[in-house]
Amino acid sequence: MIHSLEVDSIILEFDTKRVLQDVYLKNETGKITGILGRNGCGKSCLMNIIYGELELHGKSIRIDGKAIISGFRNPDLMRYLPQFSFVPKSLKINRIFKDFKLDFSQFIQEFPEFEKYYKVKLKRLSGGEQRIIEVYSILTSKSEFCMLDEPFSHVMPVHVETLKRILNNEKRNKGIIITDHLYKHITEISDSLYVIVNGKTYLAKGLCDIKMLGYIL
């Protein structure tokens, strides 16, 4: 079944500064929707608004045409990977996979070098390795939608390519929204791409549009 997520009527202000306005974004099952924008443009704020971490009056968030009035945070409906590390570092890897109801044997098919970490605490891994565990846990868990904020941060290039392959596999089962400062990866895997400029979202059809909007030179 195809599910759709639509967002509009978002206005976000901090004191006298308007961060977001006239925002529109759409994602659906089978597609990866990318978001690009300069630092501080509101990408993470937009994801927090969609997820319900940041409450606003007048926003319109609809799933399958039904309005979501307040923050839901239902993991069967949506999972969210924030920019920062969120899994307690005292947990062992096998416990993390158990909590997320994931099969570790499937994970090591993609990342065989992690097999030795099965009973190791997360804090014993490098920053990039920890990020891979978090990204995989959110991305492959059962849900209708998934949002990923900076999933490639501190991750080795060879592992980024593996994550991109998993992203393309997982989009068959869910809608995915993703943003990362490594924009070339986002442009490669996204089925639709929005650029945030002056608080507004613009649908970009390719690199020419991204350049015209001033995101890259």
N, C-alpha and C. Protein backbone atom coordinates (compact mmCIF):
# COMPACT_ATOMS: atom_id res chain seq x y z
N MET A 1 0.84 -1.20 0.00
CA MET A 1 0.00 0.00 0.00
C MET A 1 0.87 1.25 0.00
N ILE A 2 0.52 2.22 -0.83
CA ILE A 2 1.26 3.47 -0.90
C ILE A 2 0.69 4.46 0.12
N HIS A 3 1.57 5.00 0.96
CA HIS A 3 1.18 6.01 1.94
C HIS A 3 1.82 7.34 1.54
N SER A 4 1.13 8.43 1.82
CA SER A 4 1.65 9.75 1.47
C SER A 4 1.74 10.64 2.69
N LEU A 5 2.75 11.50 2.70
CA LEU A 5 2.95 12.48 3.76
C LEU A 5 3.09 13.85 3.09
N GLU A 6 2.26 14.80 3.51
CA GLU A 6 2.32 16.15 2.97
C GLU A 6 2.41 17.16 4.11
N VAL A 7 3.24 18.17 3.88
CA VAL A 7 3.48 19.20 4.89
C VAL A 7 3.35 20.57 4.24
N ASP A 8 2.57 21.45 4.84
CA ASP A 8 2.53 22.84 4.37
C ASP A 8 2.05 23.75 5.50
N SER A 9 1.92 25.04 5.19
CA SER A 9 1.49 26.07 6.16
C SER A 9 2.40 26.13 7.38
N ILE A 10 3.69 25.89 7.17
CA ILE A 10 4.65 25.95 8.27
C ILE A 10 5.22 27.36 8.37
N ILE A 11 5.07 27.98 9.52
CA ILE A 11 5.71 29.27 9.80
C ILE A 11 6.42 29.14 11.13
N LEU A 12 7.74 29.30 11.11
CA LEU A 12 8.55 29.16 12.32
C LEU A 12 9.36 30.43 12.54
N GLU A 13 9.22 31.02 13.72
CA GLU A 13 9.97 32.22 14.07
C GLU A 13 10.66 32.05 15.41
N PHE A 14 11.86 32.59 15.51
CA PHE A 14 12.59 32.68 16.77
C PHE A 14 12.83 34.16 17.04
N ASP A 15 12.15 34.67 18.07
CA ASP A 15 12.16 36.12 18.36
C ASP A 15 11.65 36.86 17.12
N THR A 16 12.49 37.67 16.51
CA THR A 16 12.04 38.44 15.34
C THR A 16 12.49 37.82 14.02
N LYS A 17 13.18 36.68 14.10
CA LYS A 17 13.70 36.05 12.89
C LYS A 17 12.77 34.96 12.40
N ARG A 18 12.33 35.07 11.18
CA ARG A 18 11.49 34.04 10.57
C ARG A 18 12.39 33.02 9.88
N VAL A 19 12.31 31.77 10.36
CA VAL A 19 13.18 30.71 9.84
C VAL A 19 12.51 29.96 8.70
N LEU A 20 11.24 29.63 8.85
CA LEU A 20 10.50 28.90 7.83
C LEU A 20 9.19 29.61 7.52
N GLN A 21 8.83 29.58 6.23
CA GLN A 21 7.55 30.14 5.80
C GLN A 21 7.21 29.56 4.43
N ASP A 22 5.94 29.43 4.16
CA ASP A 22 5.49 28.92 2.86
C ASP A 22 6.18 27.61 2.49
N VAL A 23 6.34 26.73 3.48
CA VAL A 23 6.99 25.45 3.26
C VAL A 23 5.98 24.43 2.71
N TYR A 24 6.37 23.72 1.69
CA TYR A 24 5.59 22.58 1.22
C TYR A 24 6.55 21.43 0.96
N LEU A 25 6.14 20.24 1.35
CA LEU A 25 6.96 19.05 1.14
C LEU A 25 6.05 17.83 1.03
N LYS A 26 6.40 16.93 0.11
CA LYS A 26 5.62 15.71 -0.05
C LYS A 26 6.55 14.52 -0.16
N ASN A 27 6.15 13.42 0.49
CA ASN A 27 6.88 12.16 0.42
C ASN A 27 5.87 11.03 0.37
N GLU A 28 6.24 9.93 -0.23
CA GLU A 28 5.34 8.78 -0.26
C GLU A 28 6.12 7.48 -0.34
N THR A 29 5.42 6.40 -0.07
CA THR A 29 6.03 5.07 -0.12
C THR A 29 6.70 4.84 -1.47
N GLY A 30 7.91 4.31 -1.43
CA GLY A 30 8.63 4.02 -2.66
C GLY A 30 9.52 5.15 -3.14
N LYS A 31 9.57 6.25 -2.36
CA LYS A 31 10.36 7.39 -2.80
C LYS A 31 11.22 7.94 -1.66
N ILE A 32 12.37 8.47 -2.07
CA ILE A 32 13.25 9.19 -1.15
C ILE A 32 13.15 10.67 -1.48
N THR A 33 12.79 11.47 -0.49
CA THR A 33 12.68 12.91 -0.67
C THR A 33 13.86 13.57 0.03
N GLY A 34 14.69 14.26 -0.73
CA GLY A 34 15.85 14.93 -0.18
C GLY A 34 15.56 16.39 0.16
N ILE A 35 16.22 16.89 1.19
CA ILE A 35 16.13 18.30 1.57
C ILE A 35 17.54 18.86 1.64
N LEU A 36 17.78 19.95 0.91
CA LEU A 36 19.06 20.62 0.94
C LEU A 36 18.87 22.06 1.41
N GLY A 37 19.93 22.63 1.93
CA GLY A 37 19.88 24.03 2.38
C GLY A 37 21.12 24.36 3.16
N ARG A 38 21.45 25.63 3.19
CA ARG A 38 22.65 26.07 3.92
C ARG A 38 22.46 25.88 5.42
N ASN A 39 23.55 25.88 6.15
CA ASN A 39 23.50 25.74 7.60
C ASN A 39 22.59 26.81 8.21
N GLY A 40 21.71 26.36 9.11
CA GLY A 40 20.82 27.30 9.79
C GLY A 40 19.57 27.66 9.02
N CYS A 41 19.35 27.00 7.88
CA CYS A 41 18.18 27.36 7.07
C CYS A 41 16.88 26.76 7.60
N GLY A 42 16.97 25.79 8.50
CA GLY A 42 15.76 25.22 9.09
C GLY A 42 15.47 23.78 8.72
N LYS A 43 16.43 23.08 8.16
CA LYS A 43 16.21 21.68 7.76
C LYS A 43 15.86 20.81 8.96
N SER A 44 16.68 20.88 10.00
CA SER A 44 16.43 20.07 11.20
C SER A 44 15.15 20.50 11.90
N CYS A 45 14.89 21.81 11.91
CA CYS A 45 13.65 22.32 12.52
C CYS A 45 12.43 21.74 11.81
N LEU A 46 12.50 21.69 10.48
CA LEU A 46 11.38 21.14 9.71
C LEU A 46 11.14 19.69 10.07
N MET A 47 12.19 18.90 10.20
CA MET A 47 12.03 17.50 10.58
C MET A 47 11.45 17.38 11.99
N ASN A 48 11.89 18.22 12.89
CA ASN A 48 11.36 18.20 14.26
C ASN A 48 9.89 18.60 14.30
N ILE A 49 9.50 19.50 13.42
CA ILE A 49 8.09 19.89 13.33
C ILE A 49 7.25 18.71 12.82
N ILE A 50 7.73 18.05 11.77
CA ILE A 50 7.01 16.90 11.22
C ILE A 50 6.87 15.80 12.26
N TYR A 51 7.93 15.57 13.00
CA TYR A 51 7.93 14.48 13.98
C TYR A 51 7.15 14.82 15.24
N GLY A 52 6.92 16.10 15.47
CA GLY A 52 6.15 16.51 16.64
C GLY A 52 7.01 16.94 17.82
N GLU A 53 8.32 17.02 17.63
CA GLU A 53 9.20 17.48 18.70
C GLU A 53 9.08 18.99 18.87
N LEU A 54 8.73 19.69 17.81
CA LEU A 54 8.59 21.14 17.84
C LEU A 54 7.17 21.48 17.43
N GLU A 55 6.38 21.95 18.39
CA GLU A 55 4.96 22.21 18.14
C GLU A 55 4.75 23.61 17.59
N LEU A 56 3.86 23.71 16.60
CA LEU A 56 3.51 25.00 16.01
C LEU A 56 2.00 25.08 15.86
N HIS A 57 1.48 26.29 15.92
CA HIS A 57 0.07 26.52 15.62
C HIS A 57 -0.09 26.76 14.12
N GLY A 58 -1.13 26.22 13.55
CA GLY A 58 -1.44 26.49 12.15
C GLY A 58 -0.74 25.60 11.15
N LYS A 59 0.12 24.73 11.60
CA LYS A 59 0.81 23.85 10.66
C LYS A 59 -0.18 22.84 10.07
N SER A 60 0.16 22.30 8.91
CA SER A 60 -0.66 21.26 8.29
C SER A 60 0.24 20.09 7.93
N ILE A 61 0.06 18.99 8.64
CA ILE A 61 0.79 17.76 8.36
C ILE A 61 -0.25 16.67 8.13
N ARG A 62 -0.22 16.05 6.96
CA ARG A 62 -1.24 15.08 6.60
C ARG A 62 -0.59 13.77 6.19
N ILE A 63 -1.10 12.69 6.72
CA ILE A 63 -0.68 11.35 6.31
C ILE A 63 -1.89 10.67 5.69
N ASP A 64 -1.75 10.27 4.43
CA ASP A 64 -2.86 9.69 3.67
C ASP A 64 -4.08 10.60 3.70
N GLY A 65 -3.81 11.92 3.65
CA GLY A 65 -4.88 12.90 3.61
C GLY A 65 -5.49 13.25 4.95
N LYS A 66 -5.09 12.57 6.00
CA LYS A 66 -5.64 12.82 7.33
C LYS A 66 -4.70 13.71 8.12
N ALA A 67 -5.24 14.79 8.66
CA ALA A 67 -4.43 15.75 9.38
C ALA A 67 -3.93 15.17 10.70
N ILE A 68 -2.66 15.42 10.99
CA ILE A 68 -2.06 15.08 12.28
C ILE A 68 -2.05 16.36 13.11
N ILE A 69 -2.87 16.40 14.14
CA ILE A 69 -3.07 17.64 14.89
C ILE A 69 -1.90 17.94 15.82
N SER A 70 -1.39 16.92 16.51
CA SER A 70 -0.32 17.15 17.46
C SER A 70 0.77 16.09 17.27
N GLY A 71 1.85 16.24 18.01
CA GLY A 71 2.95 15.29 17.87
C GLY A 71 2.50 13.86 18.13
N PHE A 72 2.91 12.94 17.29
CA PHE A 72 2.44 11.56 17.43
C PHE A 72 3.57 10.64 17.88
N ARG A 73 4.70 10.67 17.22
CA ARG A 73 5.86 9.85 17.59
C ARG A 73 5.48 8.37 17.70
N ASN A 74 4.67 7.92 16.78
CA ASN A 74 4.29 6.51 16.72
C ASN A 74 5.32 5.79 15.86
N PRO A 75 6.14 4.90 16.43
CA PRO A 75 7.21 4.28 15.65
C PRO A 75 6.71 3.42 14.49
N ASP A 76 5.48 2.91 14.58
CA ASP A 76 4.93 2.15 13.45
C ASP A 76 4.59 3.07 12.29
N LEU A 77 4.38 4.35 12.60
CA LEU A 77 4.04 5.34 11.58
C LEU A 77 5.27 6.07 11.08
N MET A 78 6.12 6.49 11.99
CA MET A 78 7.30 7.25 11.60
C MET A 78 8.45 7.05 12.59
N ARG A 79 9.65 6.93 12.04
CA ARG A 79 10.87 6.90 12.86
C ARG A 79 11.77 8.04 12.42
N TYR A 80 12.55 8.55 13.37
CA TYR A 80 13.33 9.76 13.12
C TYR A 80 14.75 9.61 13.66
N LEU A 81 15.72 9.83 12.79
CA LEU A 81 17.12 9.86 13.19
C LEU A 81 17.55 11.32 13.33
N PRO A 82 17.79 11.79 14.55
CA PRO A 82 18.24 13.18 14.73
C PRO A 82 19.70 13.35 14.36
N GLN A 83 20.13 14.60 14.30
CA GLN A 83 21.53 14.90 14.00
C GLN A 83 22.48 14.33 15.04
N PHE A 84 22.04 14.39 16.28
CA PHE A 84 22.91 13.99 17.38
C PHE A 84 22.72 12.51 17.71
N SER A 85 23.70 11.95 18.41
CA SER A 85 23.61 10.56 18.85
C SER A 85 22.49 10.41 19.87
N PHE A 86 21.67 9.38 19.73
CA PHE A 86 20.50 9.25 20.60
C PHE A 86 20.44 7.91 21.34
N VAL A 87 21.20 6.92 20.90
CA VAL A 87 21.19 5.62 21.58
C VAL A 87 22.15 5.67 22.76
N PRO A 88 21.72 5.27 23.97
CA PRO A 88 22.62 5.26 25.13
C PRO A 88 23.87 4.45 24.85
N LYS A 89 25.03 5.04 25.08
CA LYS A 89 26.29 4.39 24.72
C LYS A 89 26.65 3.24 25.66
N SER A 90 25.91 3.10 26.74
CA SER A 90 26.17 1.98 27.66
C SER A 90 25.52 0.68 27.19
N LEU A 91 24.65 0.76 26.18
CA LEU A 91 23.97 -0.44 25.69
C LEU A 91 24.91 -1.28 24.82
N LYS A 92 24.75 -2.58 24.90
CA LYS A 92 25.48 -3.48 24.02
C LYS A 92 24.76 -3.56 22.68
N ILE A 93 25.52 -3.89 21.64
CA ILE A 93 24.96 -3.93 20.29
C ILE A 93 23.82 -4.94 20.19
N ASN A 94 23.98 -6.13 20.81
CA ASN A 94 22.91 -7.12 20.74
C ASN A 94 21.63 -6.62 21.39
N ARG A 95 21.76 -5.80 22.45
CA ARG A 95 20.58 -5.24 23.11
C ARG A 95 19.90 -4.20 22.20
N ILE A 96 20.69 -3.42 21.50
CA ILE A 96 20.12 -2.42 20.58
C ILE A 96 19.30 -3.10 19.49
N PHE A 97 19.86 -4.17 18.92
CA PHE A 97 19.14 -4.87 17.86
C PHE A 97 17.89 -5.56 18.41
N LYS A 98 17.96 -6.03 19.62
CA LYS A 98 16.78 -6.64 20.25
C LYS A 98 15.70 -5.60 20.47
N ASP A 99 16.08 -4.42 20.96
CA ASP A 99 15.11 -3.35 21.22
C ASP A 99 14.42 -2.89 19.94
N PHE A 100 15.17 -2.85 18.84
CA PHE A 100 14.60 -2.41 17.56
C PHE A 100 13.99 -3.57 16.77
N LYS A 101 14.04 -4.78 17.34
CA LYS A 101 13.48 -5.98 16.70
C LYS A 101 14.11 -6.24 15.33
N LEU A 102 15.44 -6.16 15.30
CA LEU A 102 16.18 -6.36 14.07
C LEU A 102 17.04 -7.61 14.15
N ASP A 103 17.33 -8.18 12.99
CA ASP A 103 18.13 -9.39 12.88
C ASP A 103 19.59 -9.00 12.66
N PHE A 104 20.43 -9.29 13.64
CA PHE A 104 21.85 -8.92 13.54
C PHE A 104 22.53 -9.63 12.38
N SER A 105 22.10 -10.85 12.06
CA SER A 105 22.72 -11.61 10.97
C SER A 105 22.51 -10.91 9.62
N GLN A 106 21.38 -10.25 9.45
CA GLN A 106 21.14 -9.48 8.23
C GLN A 106 22.05 -8.25 8.17
N PHE A 107 22.26 -7.64 9.33
CA PHE A 107 23.11 -6.47 9.41
C PHE A 107 24.55 -6.80 9.00
N ILE A 108 25.08 -7.92 9.50
CA ILE A 108 26.48 -8.24 9.19
C ILE A 108 26.66 -8.74 7.76
N GLN A 109 25.57 -9.04 7.08
CA GLN A 109 25.68 -9.32 5.65
C GLN A 109 26.09 -8.05 4.91
N GLU A 110 25.65 -6.90 5.42
CA GLU A 110 26.00 -5.61 4.84
C GLU A 110 27.30 -5.06 5.42
N PHE A 111 27.50 -5.30 6.72
CA PHE A 111 28.68 -4.78 7.42
C PHE A 111 29.37 -5.93 8.17
N PRO A 112 30.05 -6.83 7.45
CA PRO A 112 30.62 -8.03 8.09
C PRO A 112 31.66 -7.71 9.16
N GLU A 113 32.33 -6.57 9.08
CA GLU A 113 33.35 -6.22 10.06
C GLU A 113 32.76 -5.92 11.43
N PHE A 114 31.43 -5.80 11.53
CA PHE A 114 30.77 -5.51 12.81
C PHE A 114 30.44 -6.78 13.59
N GLU A 115 30.68 -7.94 13.01
CA GLU A 115 30.33 -9.19 13.70
C GLU A 115 30.99 -9.31 15.06
N LYS A 116 32.21 -8.81 15.17
CA LYS A 116 32.96 -8.88 16.44
C LYS A 116 32.38 -7.99 17.53
N TYR A 117 31.45 -7.09 17.17
CA TYR A 117 30.90 -6.15 18.14
C TYR A 117 29.60 -6.63 18.78
N TYR A 118 29.16 -7.82 18.49
CA TYR A 118 27.82 -8.26 18.90
C TYR A 118 27.54 -8.05 20.39
N LYS A 119 28.49 -8.33 21.25
CA LYS A 119 28.28 -8.18 22.68
C LYS A 119 29.12 -7.04 23.27
N VAL A 120 29.47 -6.11 22.41
CA VAL A 120 30.29 -4.96 22.82
C VAL A 120 29.39 -3.75 23.05
N LYS A 121 29.72 -2.93 24.04
CA LYS A 121 28.95 -1.72 24.29
C LYS A 121 29.18 -0.70 23.18
N LEU A 122 28.15 0.07 22.90
CA LEU A 122 28.20 1.04 21.80
C LEU A 122 29.36 2.02 21.96
N LYS A 123 29.67 2.40 23.19
CA LYS A 123 30.72 3.40 23.42
C LYS A 123 32.10 2.91 23.01
N ARG A 124 32.25 1.60 22.81
CA ARG A 124 33.56 1.04 22.41
C ARG A 124 33.79 1.21 20.90
N LEU A 125 32.75 1.57 20.16
CA LEU A 125 32.88 1.76 18.72
C LEU A 125 33.32 3.18 18.40
N SER A 126 33.87 3.39 17.22
CA SER A 126 34.22 4.74 16.78
C SER A 126 32.95 5.54 16.51
N GLY A 127 33.10 6.85 16.37
CA GLY A 127 31.95 7.70 16.10
C GLY A 127 31.23 7.31 14.82
N GLY A 128 31.98 7.00 13.77
CA GLY A 128 31.37 6.59 12.51
C GLY A 128 30.66 5.26 12.63
N GLU A 129 31.23 4.34 13.38
CA GLU A 129 30.60 3.03 13.58
C GLU A 129 29.32 3.16 14.39
N GLN A 130 29.34 4.01 15.40
CA GLN A 130 28.13 4.26 16.18
C GLN A 130 27.02 4.83 15.30
N ARG A 131 27.41 5.73 14.39
CA ARG A 131 26.41 6.33 13.50
C ARG A 131 25.80 5.28 12.59
N ILE A 132 26.59 4.34 12.11
CA ILE A 132 26.07 3.28 11.26
C ILE A 132 25.02 2.46 12.01
N ILE A 133 25.30 2.13 13.26
CA ILE A 133 24.35 1.37 14.07
C ILE A 133 23.05 2.14 14.21
N GLU A 134 23.14 3.43 14.48
CA GLU A 134 21.93 4.25 14.67
C GLU A 134 21.14 4.39 13.36
N VAL A 135 21.86 4.67 12.27
CA VAL A 135 21.18 4.82 10.98
C VAL A 135 20.48 3.53 10.59
N TYR A 136 21.17 2.42 10.70
CA TYR A 136 20.60 1.13 10.33
C TYR A 136 19.38 0.81 11.19
N SER A 137 19.47 1.09 12.48
CA SER A 137 18.37 0.78 13.40
C SER A 137 17.10 1.54 13.03
N ILE A 138 17.25 2.82 12.71
CA ILE A 138 16.09 3.64 12.34
C ILE A 138 15.60 3.30 10.94
N LEU A 139 16.54 3.17 10.01
CA LEU A 139 16.18 2.98 8.60
C LEU A 139 15.49 1.66 8.33
N THR A 140 15.92 0.58 8.96
CA THR A 140 15.39 -0.74 8.63
C THR A 140 14.28 -1.21 9.56
N SER A 141 13.99 -0.47 10.62
CA SER A 141 12.88 -0.83 11.49
C SER A 141 11.55 -0.62 10.76
N LYS A 142 10.56 -1.39 11.15
CA LYS A 142 9.26 -1.30 10.50
C LYS A 142 8.60 0.05 10.78
N SER A 143 8.21 0.75 9.74
CA SER A 143 7.49 2.01 9.86
C SER A 143 7.00 2.41 8.47
N GLU A 144 6.05 3.34 8.44
CA GLU A 144 5.54 3.80 7.16
C GLU A 144 6.41 4.91 6.57
N PHE A 145 7.03 5.69 7.48
CA PHE A 145 7.92 6.77 7.04
C PHE A 145 9.16 6.80 7.91
N CYS A 146 10.23 7.35 7.35
CA CYS A 146 11.50 7.43 8.06
C CYS A 146 12.16 8.75 7.69
N MET A 147 12.64 9.49 8.69
CA MET A 147 13.37 10.74 8.45
C MET A 147 14.79 10.60 8.98
N LEU A 148 15.76 10.99 8.16
CA LEU A 148 17.17 10.85 8.52
C LEU A 148 17.85 12.22 8.41
N ASP A 149 18.39 12.69 9.53
CA ASP A 149 19.09 13.97 9.57
C ASP A 149 20.59 13.71 9.70
N GLU A 150 21.34 14.03 8.65
CA GLU A 150 22.79 13.83 8.60
C GLU A 150 23.20 12.36 8.85
N PRO A 151 22.64 11.42 8.11
CA PRO A 151 22.97 10.02 8.35
C PRO A 151 24.40 9.64 7.97
N PHE A 152 25.04 10.43 7.08
CA PHE A 152 26.37 10.07 6.61
C PHE A 152 27.49 10.74 7.41
N SER A 153 27.12 11.46 8.45
CA SER A 153 28.09 12.20 9.25
C SER A 153 29.12 11.26 9.89
N HIS A 154 30.40 11.51 9.64
CA HIS A 154 31.53 10.76 10.21
C HIS A 154 31.61 9.31 9.70
N VAL A 155 30.84 8.96 8.68
CA VAL A 155 30.83 7.59 8.15
C VAL A 155 31.83 7.48 7.00
N MET A 156 32.60 6.40 6.99
CA MET A 156 33.57 6.17 5.93
C MET A 156 32.87 6.08 4.57
N PRO A 157 33.52 6.60 3.49
CA PRO A 157 32.90 6.57 2.16
C PRO A 157 32.40 5.20 1.73
N VAL A 158 33.16 4.13 2.01
CA VAL A 158 32.72 2.80 1.60
C VAL A 158 31.44 2.41 2.32
N HIS A 159 31.27 2.84 3.57
CA HIS A 159 30.06 2.54 4.32
C HIS A 159 28.90 3.43 3.89
N VAL A 160 29.22 4.65 3.44
CA VAL A 160 28.17 5.52 2.90
C VAL A 160 27.52 4.85 1.69
N GLU A 161 28.34 4.25 0.84
CA GLU A 161 27.79 3.57 -0.34
C GLU A 161 26.91 2.40 0.07
N THR A 162 27.29 1.68 1.11
CA THR A 162 26.45 0.59 1.61
C THR A 162 25.13 1.13 2.14
N LEU A 163 25.18 2.22 2.89
CA LEU A 163 23.95 2.82 3.41
C LEU A 163 23.05 3.31 2.28
N LYS A 164 23.63 3.83 1.23
CA LYS A 164 22.83 4.28 0.09
C LYS A 164 22.12 3.10 -0.57
N ARG A 165 22.82 1.97 -0.65
CA ARG A 165 22.19 0.78 -1.22
C ARG A 165 21.03 0.31 -0.34
N ILE A 166 21.21 0.36 0.98
CA ILE A 166 20.15 -0.03 1.90
C ILE A 166 18.97 0.94 1.80
N LEU A 167 19.27 2.21 1.65
CA LEU A 167 18.22 3.21 1.47
C LEU A 167 17.35 2.89 0.26
N ASN A 168 17.98 2.56 -0.85
CA ASN A 168 17.23 2.24 -2.05
C ASN A 168 16.41 0.96 -1.90
N ASN A 169 16.89 0.02 -1.10
CA ASN A 169 16.11 -1.18 -0.82
C ASN A 169 14.94 -0.89 0.10
N GLU A 170 15.18 -0.09 1.14
CA GLU A 170 14.16 0.18 2.14
C GLU A 170 13.03 1.05 1.62
N LYS A 171 13.28 1.87 0.60
CA LYS A 171 12.23 2.76 0.11
C LYS A 171 11.08 1.98 -0.54
N ARG A 172 11.32 0.71 -0.83
CA ARG A 172 10.23 -0.11 -1.38
C ARG A 172 9.14 -0.34 -0.33
N ASN A 173 9.50 -0.19 0.95
CA ASN A 173 8.57 -0.48 2.03
C ASN A 173 8.06 0.75 2.76
N LYS A 174 8.67 1.91 2.49
CA LYS A 174 8.32 3.10 3.27
C LYS A 174 8.71 4.36 2.49
N GLY A 175 8.25 5.48 2.96
CA GLY A 175 8.69 6.77 2.44
C GLY A 175 9.86 7.25 3.28
N ILE A 176 10.85 7.86 2.64
CA ILE A 176 12.05 8.30 3.35
C ILE A 176 12.33 9.77 3.04
N ILE A 177 12.57 10.54 4.09
CA ILE A 177 12.98 11.94 3.97
C ILE A 177 14.40 12.04 4.52
N ILE A 178 15.29 12.69 3.79
CA ILE A 178 16.70 12.69 4.17
C ILE A 178 17.35 14.03 3.89
N THR A 179 18.25 14.43 4.77
CA THR A 179 19.07 15.61 4.52
C THR A 179 20.48 15.33 4.99
N ASP A 180 21.46 15.91 4.31
CA ASP A 180 22.86 15.74 4.70
C ASP A 180 23.67 16.81 3.99
N HIS A 181 24.75 17.29 4.64
CA HIS A 181 25.59 18.31 4.01
C HIS A 181 26.41 17.73 2.85
N LEU A 182 26.51 16.40 2.78
CA LEU A 182 27.16 15.75 1.64
C LEU A 182 26.13 15.65 0.51
N TYR A 183 25.90 16.79 -0.14
CA TYR A 183 24.75 16.93 -1.03
C TYR A 183 24.79 16.01 -2.25
N LYS A 184 25.98 15.63 -2.70
CA LYS A 184 26.05 14.78 -3.89
C LYS A 184 25.38 13.43 -3.63
N HIS A 185 25.54 12.90 -2.43
CA HIS A 185 24.87 11.65 -2.09
C HIS A 185 23.36 11.83 -2.09
N ILE A 186 22.90 12.97 -1.60
CA ILE A 186 21.46 13.24 -1.54
C ILE A 186 20.88 13.36 -2.95
N THR A 187 21.58 14.07 -3.82
CA THR A 187 21.08 14.23 -5.19
C THR A 187 21.07 12.89 -5.93
N GLU A 188 22.00 12.00 -5.61
CA GLU A 188 22.07 10.71 -6.30
C GLU A 188 20.91 9.79 -5.93
N ILE A 189 20.50 9.81 -4.67
CA ILE A 189 19.51 8.82 -4.23
C ILE A 189 18.09 9.36 -4.16
N SER A 190 17.91 10.67 -4.27
CA SER A 190 16.57 11.25 -4.07
C SER A 190 15.71 11.14 -5.33
N ASP A 191 14.46 10.79 -5.12
CA ASP A 191 13.49 10.78 -6.21
C ASP A 191 12.88 12.16 -6.41
N SER A 192 12.83 12.94 -5.33
CA SER A 192 12.44 14.34 -5.40
C SER A 192 13.32 15.11 -4.44
N LEU A 193 13.57 16.38 -4.76
CA LEU A 193 14.55 17.15 -4.01
C LEU A 193 14.04 18.56 -3.77
N TYR A 194 14.02 18.95 -2.48
CA TYR A 194 13.62 20.31 -2.11
C TYR A 194 14.83 21.07 -1.58
N VAL A 195 14.91 22.35 -1.94
CA VAL A 195 15.96 23.23 -1.42
C VAL A 195 15.28 24.33 -0.61
N ILE A 196 15.77 24.54 0.61
CA ILE A 196 15.24 25.61 1.46
C ILE A 196 16.07 26.87 1.26
N VAL A 197 15.41 27.93 0.81
CA VAL A 197 16.06 29.23 0.60
C VAL A 197 15.17 30.31 1.19
N ASN A 198 15.73 31.11 2.09
CA ASN A 198 14.98 32.18 2.74
C ASN A 198 13.68 31.67 3.37
N GLY A 199 13.77 30.48 3.96
CA GLY A 199 12.64 29.92 4.69
C GLY A 199 11.61 29.22 3.84
N LYS A 200 11.79 29.21 2.51
CA LYS A 200 10.82 28.60 1.62
C LYS A 200 11.42 27.36 0.95
N THR A 201 10.56 26.39 0.63
CA THR A 201 11.02 25.20 -0.07
C THR A 201 10.77 25.33 -1.57
N TYR A 202 11.76 24.94 -2.34
CA TYR A 202 11.67 24.97 -3.79
C TYR A 202 11.97 23.58 -4.31
N LEU A 203 11.11 23.06 -5.17
CA LEU A 203 11.32 21.75 -5.76
C LEU A 203 12.35 21.86 -6.88
N ALA A 204 13.48 21.17 -6.71
CA ALA A 204 14.57 21.23 -7.69
C ALA A 204 14.54 19.99 -8.58
N LYS A 205 14.75 20.19 -9.87
CA LYS A 205 14.72 19.08 -10.81
C LYS A 205 16.11 18.57 -11.18
N GLY A 206 17.14 19.24 -10.68
CA GLY A 206 18.49 18.80 -10.99
C GLY A 206 19.51 19.80 -10.50
N LEU A 207 20.78 19.57 -10.87
CA LEU A 207 21.86 20.43 -10.40
C LEU A 207 21.69 21.86 -10.88
N CYS A 208 21.13 22.06 -12.07
CA CYS A 208 20.94 23.42 -12.57
C CYS A 208 20.03 24.21 -11.65
N ASP A 209 18.95 23.59 -11.20
CA ASP A 209 18.04 24.28 -10.28
C ASP A 209 18.72 24.54 -8.93
N ILE A 210 19.53 23.56 -8.47
CA ILE A 210 20.23 23.73 -7.19
C ILE A 210 21.20 24.89 -7.27
N LYS A 211 21.90 25.03 -8.41
CA LYS A 211 22.81 26.16 -8.61
C LYS A 211 22.04 27.46 -8.70
N MET A 212 20.94 27.46 -9.43
CA MET A 212 20.14 28.67 -9.59
C MET A 212 19.61 29.17 -8.26
N LEU A 213 19.32 28.22 -7.35
CA LEU A 213 18.81 28.59 -6.02
C LEU A 213 19.92 28.99 -5.07
N GLY A 214 21.17 28.92 -5.53
CA GLY A 214 22.29 29.42 -4.75
C GLY A 214 22.85 28.48 -3.72
N TYR A 215 22.45 27.18 -3.77
CA TYR A 215 22.97 26.25 -2.78
C TYR A 215 24.40 25.84 -3.10
N ILE A 216 24.70 25.68 -4.40
CA ILE A 216 26.07 25.39 -4.83
C ILE A 216 26.45 26.38 -5.92
N LEU A 217 27.74 26.60 -6.09
CA LEU A 217 28.23 27.53 -7.10
C LEU A 217 28.49 26.80 -8.42
